[in-house]
Every structure is written in structure tokens, then in C-alpha cells.
PDB file of N, CA and C in Angstrom:
ATOM      1  N   MET A   1      16.595  15.146   5.399  1.00  0.00           N
ATOM      2  CA  MET A   1      15.579  14.147   5.095  1.00  0.00           C
ATOM      3  C   MET A   1      15.558  14.000   3.582  1.00  0.00           C
ATOM      4  N   SER A   2      15.620  12.820   3.207  1.00  0.00           N
ATOM      5  CA  SER A   2      15.711  12.504   1.726  1.00  0.00           C
ATOM      6  C   SER A   2      14.284  12.515   1.109  1.00  0.00           C
ATOM      7  N   THR A   3      14.275  12.769  -0.154  1.00  0.00           N
ATOM      8  CA  THR A   3      13.021  12.792  -0.909  1.00  0.00           C
ATOM      9  C   THR A   3      12.462  11.392  -1.009  1.00  0.00           C
ATOM     10  N   SER A   4      13.284  10.355  -1.094  1.00  0.00           N
ATOM     11  CA  SER A   4      12.793   9.023  -1.158  1.00  0.00           C
ATOM     12  C   SER A   4      12.088   8.656   0.134  1.00  0.00           C
ATOM     13  N   PHE A   5      12.612   9.058   1.331  1.00  0.00           N
ATOM     14  CA  PHE A   5      11.854   8.793   2.561  1.00  0.00           C
ATOM     15  C   PHE A   5      10.488   9.417   2.530  1.00  0.00           C
ATOM     16  N   LEU A   6      10.369  10.667   2.096  1.00  0.00           N
ATOM     17  CA  LEU A   6       9.136  11.296   2.033  1.00  0.00           C
ATOM     18  C   LEU A   6       8.070  10.495   1.143  1.00  0.00           C
ATOM     19  N   TYR A   7       8.529  10.085   0.010  1.00  0.00           N
ATOM     20  CA  TYR A   7       7.695   9.415  -0.905  1.00  0.00           C
ATOM     21  C   TYR A   7       7.446   8.003  -0.492  1.00  0.00           C
ATOM     22  N   GLN A   8       8.270   7.381   0.331  1.00  0.00           N
ATOM     23  CA  GLN A   8       7.998   6.023   0.773  1.00  0.00           C
ATOM     24  C   GLN A   8       6.922   5.969   1.800  1.00  0.00           C
ATOM     25  N   ASN A   9       6.768   7.008   2.509  1.00  0.00           N
ATOM     26  CA  ASN A   9       5.738   7.071   3.547  1.00  0.00           C
ATOM     27  C   ASN A   9       4.447   7.435   2.894  1.00  0.00           C
ATOM     28  N   THR A  10       3.436   6.552   2.821  1.00  0.00           N
ATOM     29  CA  THR A  10       2.267   6.748   2.041  1.00  0.00           C
ATOM     30  C   THR A  10       1.439   8.017   2.528  1.00  0.00           C
ATOM     31  N   GLN A  11       1.407   8.143   3.895  1.00  0.00           N
ATOM     32  CA  GLN A  11       0.601   9.275   4.377  1.00  0.00           C
ATOM     33  C   GLN A  11       1.251  10.675   3.977  1.00  0.00           C
ATOM     34  N   ILE A  12       2.623  10.696   4.124  1.00  0.00           N
ATOM     35  CA  ILE A  12       3.277  11.911   3.707  1.00  0.00           C
ATOM     36  C   ILE A  12       3.094  12.170   2.193  1.00  0.00           C
ATOM     37  N   ARG A  13       3.256  11.043   1.412  1.00  0.00           N
ATOM     38  CA  ARG A  13       3.192  11.191  -0.040  1.00  0.00           C
ATOM     39  C   ARG A  13       1.751  11.669  -0.402  1.00  0.00           C
ATOM     40  N   ASP A  14       0.788  11.079   0.256  1.00  0.00           N
ATOM     41  CA  ASP A  14      -0.545  11.590  -0.127  1.00  0.00           C
ATOM     42  C   ASP A  14      -0.773  13.085   0.219  1.00  0.00           C
ATOM     43  N   ASP A  15      -0.235  13.472   1.412  1.00  0.00           N
ATOM     44  CA  ASP A  15      -0.338  14.890   1.757  1.00  0.00           C
ATOM     45  C   ASP A  15       0.281  15.781   0.817  1.00  0.00           C
ATOM     46  N   ILE A  16       1.513  15.399   0.326  1.00  0.00           N
ATOM     47  CA  ILE A  16       2.237  16.175  -0.661  1.00  0.00           C
ATOM     48  C   ILE A  16       1.451  16.272  -1.935  1.00  0.00           C
ATOM     49  N   ALA A  17       0.928  15.148  -2.411  1.00  0.00           N
ATOM     50  CA  ALA A  17       0.165  15.122  -3.699  1.00  0.00           C
ATOM     51  C   ALA A  17      -1.146  16.051  -3.498  1.00  0.00           C
ATOM     52  N   ALA A  18      -1.865  15.960  -2.324  1.00  0.00           N
ATOM     53  CA  ALA A  18      -2.988  16.773  -2.129  1.00  0.00           C
ATOM     54  C   ALA A  18      -2.699  18.243  -2.109  1.00  0.00           C
ATOM     55  N   ARG A  19      -1.646  18.653  -1.433  1.00  0.00           N
ATOM     56  CA  ARG A  19      -1.272  20.047  -1.347  1.00  0.00           C
ATOM     57  C   ARG A  19      -0.824  20.469  -2.800  1.00  0.00           C
ATOM     58  N   ARG A  20      -0.071  19.722  -3.459  1.00  0.00           N
ATOM     59  CA  ARG A  20       0.405  20.103  -4.781  1.00  0.00           C
ATOM     60  C   ARG A  20      -0.763  20.263  -5.743  1.00  0.00           C
ATOM     61  N   THR A  21      -1.726  19.381  -5.712  1.00  0.00           N
ATOM     62  CA  THR A  21      -2.944  19.446  -6.520  1.00  0.00           C
ATOM     63  C   THR A  21      -3.773  20.689  -6.243  1.00  0.00           C
ATOM     64  N   ALA A  22      -3.909  20.997  -4.901  1.00  0.00           N
ATOM     65  CA  ALA A  22      -4.746  22.181  -4.521  1.00  0.00           C
ATOM     66  C   ALA A  22      -4.097  23.389  -4.963  1.00  0.00           C
ATOM     67  N   ALA A  23      -2.721  23.512  -4.779  1.00  0.00           N
ATOM     68  CA  ALA A  23      -1.984  24.730  -5.135  1.00  0.00           C
ATOM     69  C   ALA A  23      -1.980  24.927  -6.656  1.00  0.00           C
ATOM     70  N   THR A  24      -1.830  23.860  -7.431  1.00  0.00           N
ATOM     71  CA  THR A  24      -1.758  23.952  -8.851  1.00  0.00           C
ATOM     72  C   THR A  24      -3.197  24.279  -9.312  1.00  0.00           C
ATOM     73  N   ALA A  25      -4.275  23.737  -8.833  1.00  0.00           N
ATOM     74  CA  ALA A  25      -5.584  24.063  -9.265  1.00  0.00           C
ATOM     75  C   ALA A  25      -5.895  25.563  -9.033  1.00  0.00           C
ATOM     76  N   ALA A  26      -5.533  26.022  -7.811  1.00  0.00           N
ATOM     77  CA  ALA A  26      -5.844  27.387  -7.518  1.00  0.00           C
ATOM     78  C   ALA A  26      -5.048  28.369  -8.444  1.00  0.00           C
ATOM     79  N   ALA A  27      -3.762  28.004  -8.629  1.00  0.00           N
ATOM     80  CA  ALA A  27      -2.889  28.888  -9.533  1.00  0.00           C
ATOM     81  C   ALA A  27      -3.463  28.854 -10.940  1.00  0.00           C
ATOM     82  N   THR A  28      -3.779  27.687 -11.410  1.00  0.00           N
ATOM     83  CA  THR A  28      -4.269  27.466 -12.772  1.00  0.00           C
ATOM     84  C   THR A  28      -5.555  28.287 -13.063  1.00  0.00           C
ATOM     85  N   THR A  29      -6.426  28.221 -12.143  1.00  0.00           N
ATOM     86  CA  THR A  29      -7.708  28.963 -12.297  1.00  0.00           C
ATOM     87  C   THR A  29      -7.479  30.451 -12.279  1.00  0.00           C
ATOM     88  N   TRP A  30      -6.665  30.929 -11.373  1.00  0.00           N
ATOM     89  CA  TRP A  30      -6.420  32.412 -11.455  1.00  0.00           C
ATOM     90  C   TRP A  30      -5.686  32.785 -12.711  1.00  0.00           C
ATOM     91  N   VAL A  31      -4.644  32.038 -13.088  1.00  0.00           N
ATOM     92  CA  VAL A  31      -3.889  32.402 -14.281  1.00  0.00           C
ATOM     93  C   VAL A  31      -4.791  32.312 -15.516  1.00  0.00           C
ATOM     94  N   GLU A  32      -5.644  31.279 -15.670  1.00  0.00           N
ATOM     95  CA  GLU A  32      -6.488  31.154 -16.838  1.00  0.00           C
ATOM     96  C   GLU A  32      -7.425  32.323 -16.895  1.00  0.00           C
ATOM     97  N   SER A  33      -8.078  32.741 -15.796  1.00  0.00           N
ATOM     98  CA  SER A  33      -9.065  33.862 -15.868  1.00  0.00           C
ATOM     99  C   SER A  33      -8.331  35.168 -16.127  1.00  0.00           C
ATOM    100  N   ALA A  34      -7.098  35.348 -15.632  1.00  0.00           N
ATOM    101  CA  ALA A  34      -6.379  36.573 -15.887  1.00  0.00           C
ATOM    102  C   ALA A  34      -5.845  36.591 -17.287  1.00  0.00           C
ATOM    103  N   ALA A  35      -5.507  35.508 -17.797  1.00  0.00           N
ATOM    104  CA  ALA A  35      -4.931  35.443 -19.193  1.00  0.00           C
ATOM    105  C   ALA A  35      -6.064  35.691 -20.240  1.00  0.00           C
ATOM    106  N   SER A  36      -7.281  35.384 -19.896  1.00  0.00           N
ATOM    107  CA  SER A  36      -8.378  35.578 -20.885  1.00  0.00           C
ATOM    108  C   SER A  36      -8.534  37.015 -21.197  1.00  0.00           C
ATOM    109  N   LEU A  37      -8.036  37.932 -20.372  1.00  0.00           N
ATOM    110  CA  LEU A  37      -8.232  39.346 -20.618  1.00  0.00           C
ATOM    111  C   LEU A  37      -6.876  39.974 -21.152  1.00  0.00           C
ATOM    112  N   LYS A  38      -5.943  39.177 -21.433  1.00  0.00           N
ATOM    113  CA  LYS A  38      -4.594  39.679 -21.833  1.00  0.00           C
ATOM    114  C   LYS A  38      -4.354  39.484 -23.293  1.00  0.00           C
ATOM    115  N   SER A  39      -3.168  39.976 -23.733  1.00  0.00           N
ATOM    116  CA  SER A  39      -2.784  39.768 -25.141  1.00  0.00           C
ATOM    117  C   SER A  39      -2.227  38.415 -25.331  1.00  0.00           C
ATOM    118  N   PRO A  40      -2.114  38.034 -26.600  1.00  0.00           N
ATOM    119  CA  PRO A  40      -1.521  36.657 -26.991  1.00  0.00           C
ATOM    120  C   PRO A  40      -0.096  36.512 -26.361  1.00  0.00           C
ATOM    121  N   ARG A  41       0.577  37.619 -26.265  1.00  0.00           N
ATOM    122  CA  ARG A  41       1.963  37.506 -25.613  1.00  0.00           C
ATOM    123  C   ARG A  41       1.887  37.083 -24.174  1.00  0.00           C
ATOM    124  N   THR A  42       0.985  37.657 -23.527  1.00  0.00           N
ATOM    125  CA  THR A  42       0.693  37.232 -22.072  1.00  0.00           C
ATOM    126  C   THR A  42       0.198  35.827 -21.968  1.00  0.00           C
ATOM    127  N   LYS A  43      -0.602  35.500 -22.882  1.00  0.00           N
ATOM    128  CA  LYS A  43      -1.133  34.027 -22.901  1.00  0.00           C
ATOM    129  C   LYS A  43       0.073  33.096 -23.084  1.00  0.00           C
ATOM    130  N   LEU A  44       0.954  33.442 -23.994  1.00  0.00           N
ATOM    131  CA  LEU A  44       2.177  32.640 -24.284  1.00  0.00           C
ATOM    132  C   LEU A  44       2.946  32.529 -23.022  1.00  0.00           C
ATOM    133  N   ALA A  45       3.246  33.648 -22.338  1.00  0.00           N
ATOM    134  CA  ALA A  45       3.983  33.679 -21.122  1.00  0.00           C
ATOM    135  C   ALA A  45       3.349  32.745 -20.056  1.00  0.00           C
ATOM    136  N   THR A  46       2.008  32.805 -20.008  1.00  0.00           N
ATOM    137  CA  THR A  46       1.315  31.990 -19.057  1.00  0.00           C
ATOM    138  C   THR A  46       1.437  30.477 -19.435  1.00  0.00           C
ATOM    139  N   ALA A  47       1.339  30.216 -20.694  1.00  0.00           N
ATOM    140  CA  ALA A  47       1.543  28.763 -21.131  1.00  0.00           C
ATOM    141  C   ALA A  47       2.953  28.259 -20.736  1.00  0.00           C
ATOM    142  N   ILE A  48       3.941  29.196 -20.993  1.00  0.00           N
ATOM    143  CA  ILE A  48       5.270  28.804 -20.677  1.00  0.00           C
ATOM    144  C   ILE A  48       5.439  28.525 -19.165  1.00  0.00           C
ATOM    145  N   ALA A  49       4.810  29.370 -18.323  1.00  0.00           N
ATOM    146  CA  ALA A  49       4.932  29.225 -16.874  1.00  0.00           C
ATOM    147  C   ALA A  49       4.240  27.830 -16.537  1.00  0.00           C
ATOM    148  N   ARG A  50       3.077  27.535 -17.121  1.00  0.00           N
ATOM    149  CA  ARG A  50       2.350  26.313 -16.825  1.00  0.00           C
ATOM    150  C   ARG A  50       3.240  25.119 -17.280  1.00  0.00           C
ATOM    151  N   ASN A  51       3.915  25.239 -18.369  1.00  0.00           N
ATOM    152  CA  ASN A  51       4.832  24.256 -18.921  1.00  0.00           C
ATOM    153  C   ASN A  51       5.934  23.937 -17.832  1.00  0.00           C
ATOM    154  N   ARG A  52       6.388  25.012 -17.236  1.00  0.00           N
ATOM    155  CA  ARG A  52       7.438  24.882 -16.240  1.00  0.00           C
ATOM    156  C   ARG A  52       6.901  24.129 -14.976  1.00  0.00           C
ATOM    157  N   GLU A  53       5.647  24.487 -14.590  1.00  0.00           N
ATOM    158  CA  GLU A  53       5.058  23.883 -13.454  1.00  0.00           C
ATOM    159  C   GLU A  53       4.894  22.338 -13.773  1.00  0.00           C
ATOM    160  N   LEU A  54       4.387  21.969 -14.950  1.00  0.00           N
ATOM    161  CA  LEU A  54       4.306  20.590 -15.259  1.00  0.00           C
ATOM    162  C   LEU A  54       5.526  19.868 -15.311  1.00  0.00           C
ATOM    163  N   ALA A  55       6.643  20.580 -15.830  1.00  0.00           N
ATOM    164  CA  ALA A  55       8.022  19.882 -15.857  1.00  0.00           C
ATOM    165  C   ALA A  55       8.446  19.678 -14.402  1.00  0.00           C
ATOM    166  N   ASP A  56       8.232  20.573 -13.467  1.00  0.00           N
ATOM    167  CA  ASP A  56       8.593  20.367 -12.108  1.00  0.00           C
ATOM    168  C   ASP A  56       7.874  19.228 -11.521  1.00  0.00           C
ATOM    169  N   GLN A  57       6.487  19.121 -11.796  1.00  0.00           N
ATOM    170  CA  GLN A  57       5.684  18.072 -11.245  1.00  0.00           C
ATOM    171  C   GLN A  57       6.116  16.768 -11.838  1.00  0.00           C
ATOM    172  N   LEU A  58       6.496  16.732 -13.108  1.00  0.00           N
ATOM    173  CA  LEU A  58       6.961  15.466 -13.726  1.00  0.00           C
ATOM    174  C   LEU A  58       8.325  15.029 -13.081  1.00  0.00           C
ATOM    175  N   ALA A  59       9.169  15.992 -12.785  1.00  0.00           N
ATOM    176  CA  ALA A  59      10.414  15.602 -12.153  1.00  0.00           C
ATOM    177  C   ALA A  59      10.127  15.008 -10.721  1.00  0.00           C
ATOM    178  N   GLN A  60       9.203  15.561 -10.036  1.00  0.00           N
ATOM    179  CA  GLN A  60       8.861  15.057  -8.642  1.00  0.00           C
ATOM    180  C   GLN A  60       8.285  13.596  -8.864  1.00  0.00           C
ATOM    181  N   LEU A  61       7.380  13.459  -9.828  1.00  0.00           N
ATOM    182  CA  LEU A  61       6.802  12.164 -10.092  1.00  0.00           C
ATOM    183  C   LEU A  61       7.866  11.068 -10.514  1.00  0.00           C
ATOM    184  N   ARG A  62       8.848  11.484 -11.254  1.00  0.00           N
ATOM    185  CA  ARG A  62       9.897  10.555 -11.527  1.00  0.00           C
ATOM    186  C   ARG A  62      10.687  10.180 -10.345  1.00  0.00           C
ATOM    187  N   ILE A  63      10.988  11.143  -9.429  1.00  0.00           N
ATOM    188  CA  ILE A  63      11.683  10.779  -8.230  1.00  0.00           C
ATOM    189  C   ILE A  63      10.806   9.842  -7.365  1.00  0.00           C
ATOM    190  N   GLU A  64       9.566  10.080  -7.349  1.00  0.00           N
ATOM    191  CA  GLU A  64       8.698   9.183  -6.590  1.00  0.00           C
ATOM    192  C   GLU A  64       8.725   7.785  -7.203  1.00  0.00           C
ATOM    193  N   ASN A  65       8.585   7.755  -8.508  1.00  0.00           N
ATOM    194  CA  ASN A  65       8.522   6.499  -9.232  1.00  0.00           C
ATOM    195  C   ASN A  65       9.875   5.677  -8.960  1.00  0.00           C
ATOM    196  N   GLU A  66      10.972   6.414  -9.038  1.00  0.00           N
ATOM    197  CA  GLU A  66      12.286   5.786  -8.733  1.00  0.00           C
ATOM    198  C   GLU A  66      12.312   5.233  -7.309  1.00  0.00           C
ATOM    199  N   ALA A  67      11.841   5.990  -6.390  1.00  0.00           N
ATOM    200  CA  ALA A  67      11.807   5.541  -5.002  1.00  0.00           C
ATOM    201  C   ALA A  67      10.944   4.258  -4.809  1.00  0.00           C
ATOM    202  N   LEU A  68       9.754   4.230  -5.475  1.00  0.00           N
ATOM    203  CA  LEU A  68       8.838   3.190  -5.333  1.00  0.00           C
ATOM    204  C   LEU A  68       9.454   1.949  -6.003  1.00  0.00           C
ATOM    205  N   ARG A  69      10.064   2.134  -7.179  1.00  0.00           N
ATOM    206  CA  ARG A  69      10.705   1.051  -7.929  1.00  0.00           C
ATOM    207  C   ARG A  69      11.837   0.411  -7.060  1.00  0.00           C
ATOM    208  N   GLY A  70      12.572   1.279  -6.357  1.00  0.00           N
ATOM    209  CA  GLY A  70      13.676   0.783  -5.497  1.00  0.00           C
ATOM    210  C   GLY A  70      13.052  -0.017  -4.398  1.00  0.00           C
ATOM    211  N   ARG A  71      11.927   0.389  -3.865  1.00  0.00           N
ATOM    212  CA  ARG A  71      11.296  -0.335  -2.727  1.00  0.00           C
ATOM    213  C   ARG A  71      10.837  -1.799  -3.233  1.00  0.00           C
ATOM    214  N   LEU A  72      10.258  -1.776  -4.413  1.00  0.00           N
ATOM    215  CA  LEU A  72       9.813  -2.994  -4.994  1.00  0.00           C
ATOM    216  C   LEU A  72      10.962  -4.009  -5.255  1.00  0.00           C
ATOM    217  N   LEU A  73      12.075  -3.464  -5.768  1.00  0.00           N
ATOM    218  CA  LEU A  73      13.222  -4.290  -6.115  1.00  0.00           C
ATOM    219  C   LEU A  73      13.902  -4.768  -4.845  1.00  0.00           C
ATOM    220  N   SER A  74      13.837  -4.057  -3.727  1.00  0.00           N
ATOM    221  CA  SER A  74      14.503  -4.498  -2.509  1.00  0.00           C
ATOM    222  C   SER A  74      13.730  -5.564  -1.768  1.00  0.00           C
ATOM    223  N   HIS A  75      12.488  -5.812  -2.146  1.00  0.00           N
ATOM    224  CA  HIS A  75      11.704  -6.825  -1.445  1.00  0.00           C
ATOM    225  C   HIS A  75      11.750  -8.147  -2.104  1.00  0.00           C
TER     226      HIS A  75
END
């Protein structure tokens, strides 16, 4: 199953976005509260991990954007 198919189906796309948002929010809350008790080095590691999460999310959004752009151009 291709990624573009998943993102072309609005119901599936909305479900993916909702699950991603819920998982990210839960992870961010836990990481932020845990990091507040740790050293600056741990906070840096946490920030780097969050940066990776955001980079992954950006990559997914770019794929979605490309799929949607393709749909617009094909009509």
C-alpha cells in the first residue's frame, strides 16, 4: 500500500494525523516533565530527540503535500 494512497483518503489521513498528534503530545509531556529534573546534557539530548521527531513529521507532511499536489494537478 503506497503512502500516497493513505494520504489521498481523507478519513485515513485524518486518523493518521490524530494518532500522530496524540502520540507526540503524550511523549512531549512526559519528556518535558522528566527533563525538568535532569542535567543540561539530558535536556540537550531531549531537544535533539524532539528535533528528530519534528524532522520525521515534516518528512511525512511533505509526502502528504506531494500527494495532494499530484491529485490537484491530475484534475
